[in-house]
Amino acid sequence: MKKLSYFFVLMFLVSCTSNTIFEKPEDLIPRDTMSLLVQEMMIASSSKFVKNKNLEKNINYMPLVYERFRIDSARYQTSNLYYMSKIDLYREIFTDAKANLDKQVAYYNAIKKEKDSLRKDSISKVKSIKIKKDSIKKQKIIEKDKDASLLKGLTPN
């Protein structure tokens, strides 16, 4: 009986090994395209919670991503499953996607910073013009007061 139980335990342990590397599908999405697709999917999933121009939220943008890359969700699922079975390749895909997103963030932050600096410059110019106009108004008021006091001194009471 002990030999039989040892045999079953051994068979159980041997059968628990998994062979999770799937066969390459015929319509596999290429690695570089998959990286771009994952990048766009990250943007689409994060933009779900941001209001659009029509002030709407919770819009699913994934169909637009599939349409842009001319694929369907089934093809993406099979390709994703294949790449998940090869974890090193899958990690590289996500690393590339994250690196591209970081480059885009840096680029748009630089543009935003430039626009903000231009805006600050224009605001400071407007303030300086306003200060100059105010000082001109004050000078005119002072000149009018001087003229009025001179006129009062010249006019007979």
Protein backbone atom coordinates (compact mmCIF):
# COMPACT_ATOMS: atom_id res chain seq x y z
CA MET A 1 0.00 0.00 0.00
CA LYS A 2 2.87 2.38 0.82
CA LYS A 3 4.41 1.74 -2.57
CA LEU A 4 1.11 2.54 -4.26
CA SER A 5 0.71 5.81 -2.34
CA TYR A 6 4.31 6.81 -3.15
CA PHE A 7 3.61 6.06 -6.79
CA PHE A 8 0.50 8.30 -6.79
CA VAL A 9 2.35 11.14 -5.05
CA LEU A 10 5.17 10.84 -7.55
CA MET A 11 2.71 10.81 -10.48
CA PHE A 12 0.93 13.85 -9.02
CA LEU A 13 4.18 15.81 -8.73
CA VAL A 14 5.27 14.88 -12.24
CA SER A 15 1.90 15.82 -13.70
CA CYS A 16 1.98 19.24 -12.00
CA THR A 17 4.70 20.53 -14.28
CA SER A 18 3.21 22.86 -16.82
CA ASN A 19 4.11 23.45 -20.40
CA THR A 20 2.76 26.97 -20.86
CA ILE A 21 4.57 27.90 -24.08
CA PHE A 22 1.89 27.96 -26.72
CA GLU A 23 2.33 27.48 -30.42
CA LYS A 24 2.85 30.58 -32.50
CA PRO A 25 -0.53 31.64 -33.94
CA GLU A 26 -0.84 32.20 -37.67
CA ASP A 27 -2.06 35.77 -37.29
CA LEU A 28 0.44 36.78 -34.59
CA ILE A 29 0.84 40.52 -34.12
CA PRO A 30 4.54 41.44 -34.64
CA ARG A 31 6.54 42.36 -31.55
CA ASP A 32 7.04 46.06 -32.43
CA THR A 33 3.39 46.47 -33.37
CA MET A 34 2.40 44.75 -30.14
CA SER A 35 4.52 47.25 -28.21
CA LEU A 36 2.78 50.18 -29.92
CA LEU A 37 -0.59 48.50 -29.37
CA VAL A 38 0.09 48.06 -25.65
CA GLN A 39 1.19 51.69 -25.47
CA GLU A 40 -2.03 52.91 -27.09
CA MET A 41 -4.08 50.60 -24.88
CA MET A 42 -2.46 52.09 -21.77
CA ILE A 43 -3.37 55.57 -22.97
CA ALA A 44 -6.92 54.50 -23.83
CA SER A 45 -7.48 52.78 -20.51
CA SER A 46 -6.17 55.75 -18.52
CA SER A 47 -8.21 58.25 -20.55
CA LYS A 48 -11.40 56.46 -19.59
CA PHE A 49 -11.61 58.54 -16.42
CA VAL A 50 -10.87 61.92 -18.03
CA LYS A 51 -13.64 64.11 -19.38
CA ASN A 52 -13.57 64.69 -23.13
CA LYS A 53 -14.61 67.82 -25.04
CA ASN A 54 -18.27 66.99 -24.51
CA LEU A 55 -17.64 66.66 -20.75
CA GLU A 56 -18.35 62.91 -20.85
CA LYS A 57 -16.53 60.28 -18.78
CA ASN A 58 -16.31 56.47 -18.75
CA ILE A 59 -16.00 56.10 -22.52
CA ASN A 60 -14.41 52.90 -23.79
CA TYR A 61 -11.71 53.83 -26.30
CA MET A 62 -10.45 50.27 -26.90
CA PRO A 63 -12.50 49.76 -30.09
CA LEU A 64 -10.79 52.85 -31.51
CA VAL A 65 -7.38 51.35 -30.73
CA TYR A 66 -8.34 48.07 -32.42
CA GLU A 67 -9.62 50.02 -35.42
CA ARG A 68 -6.44 52.07 -35.65
CA PHE A 69 -4.26 48.94 -35.78
CA ARG A 70 -6.78 47.09 -37.97
CA ILE A 71 -7.08 44.11 -35.63
CA ASP A 72 -9.90 42.56 -33.66
CA SER A 73 -9.99 41.66 -29.99
CA ALA A 74 -9.70 37.91 -30.70
CA ARG A 75 -6.44 38.41 -32.61
CA TYR A 76 -5.13 40.56 -29.78
CA GLN A 77 -6.09 37.92 -27.21
CA THR A 78 -4.33 35.09 -29.05
CA SER A 79 -1.21 37.20 -29.60
CA ASN A 80 -1.24 38.38 -26.00
CA LEU A 81 -1.58 34.80 -24.75
CA TYR A 82 1.37 33.71 -26.91
CA TYR A 83 3.57 36.59 -25.72
CA MET A 84 2.56 35.93 -22.09
CA SER A 85 3.83 32.38 -22.45
CA LYS A 86 7.26 33.84 -23.32
CA ILE A 87 7.71 36.07 -20.30
CA ASP A 88 11.07 37.58 -21.34
CA LEU A 89 9.67 38.75 -24.66
CA TYR A 90 6.50 39.98 -22.94
CA ARG A 91 8.58 41.99 -20.45
CA GLU A 92 10.53 43.58 -23.33
CA ILE A 93 7.29 44.58 -25.03
CA PHE A 94 6.05 46.33 -21.91
CA THR A 95 9.44 47.91 -21.24
CA ASP A 96 9.48 49.37 -24.76
CA ALA A 97 5.92 50.62 -24.37
CA LYS A 98 6.73 52.29 -21.05
CA ALA A 99 9.89 53.88 -22.47
CA ASN A 100 7.91 55.33 -25.40
CA LEU A 101 5.26 56.66 -23.01
CA ASP A 102 7.95 58.27 -20.86
CA LYS A 103 9.39 59.96 -23.96
CA GLN A 104 5.94 61.27 -24.88
CA VAL A 105 5.37 62.57 -21.36
CA ALA A 106 8.73 64.38 -21.40
CA TYR A 107 7.97 65.87 -24.83
CA TYR A 108 4.53 67.15 -23.84
CA ASN A 109 5.81 68.44 -20.51
CA ALA A 110 8.47 70.44 -22.39
CA ILE A 111 5.80 71.92 -24.65
CA LYS A 112 3.60 72.71 -21.67
CA LYS A 113 6.50 74.34 -19.85
CA GLU A 114 7.31 76.47 -22.89
CA LYS A 115 3.69 77.57 -23.26
CA ASP A 116 3.48 78.33 -19.56
CA SER A 117 6.65 80.43 -19.73
CA LEU A 118 5.25 82.31 -22.73
CA ARG A 119 2.04 82.86 -20.82
CA LYS A 120 3.93 84.09 -17.76
CA ASP A 121 5.95 86.45 -19.95
CA SER A 122 2.81 87.83 -21.55
CA ILE A 123 1.12 88.25 -18.17
CA SER A 124 4.14 90.10 -16.78
CA LYS A 125 4.18 92.34 -19.88
CA VAL A 126 0.50 93.11 -19.43
CA LYS A 127 1.09 93.93 -15.77
CA SER A 128 4.00 96.23 -16.62
CA ILE A 129 1.90 98.01 -19.27
CA LYS A 130 -0.91 98.40 -16.75
CA ILE A 131 1.52 99.83 -14.19
CA LYS A 132 2.80 102.29 -16.80
CA LYS A 133 -0.75 103.32 -17.68
CA ASP A 134 -1.54 103.74 -14.00
CA SER A 135 1.52 105.91 -13.48
CA ILE A 136 0.53 108.01 -16.53
CA LYS A 137 -2.97 108.41 -15.11
CA LYS A 138 -1.54 109.45 -11.76
CA GLN A 139 0.71 111.98 -13.47
CA LYS A 140 -2.27 113.41 -15.37
CA ILE A 141 -4.28 113.65 -12.15
CA ILE A 142 -1.38 115.41 -10.42
CA GLU A 143 -1.01 117.79 -13.37
CA LYS A 144 -4.75 118.53 -13.33
CA ASP A 145 -4.61 119.25 -9.60
CA LYS A 146 -1.67 121.62 -10.13
CA ASP A 147 -3.49 123.34 -12.99
CA ALA A 148 -6.63 123.63 -10.90
CA SER A 149 -4.74 125.13 -7.97
CA LEU A 150 -3.04 127.60 -10.28
CA LEU A 151 -6.35 128.56 -11.80
CA LYS A 152 -7.88 129.05 -8.38
CA GLY A 153 -5.04 131.41 -7.48
CA LEU A 154 -5.54 133.46 -10.67
CA THR A 155 -9.29 133.75 -10.59
CA PRO A 156 -10.85 136.56 -8.56
CA ASN A 157 -13.02 135.48 -5.63
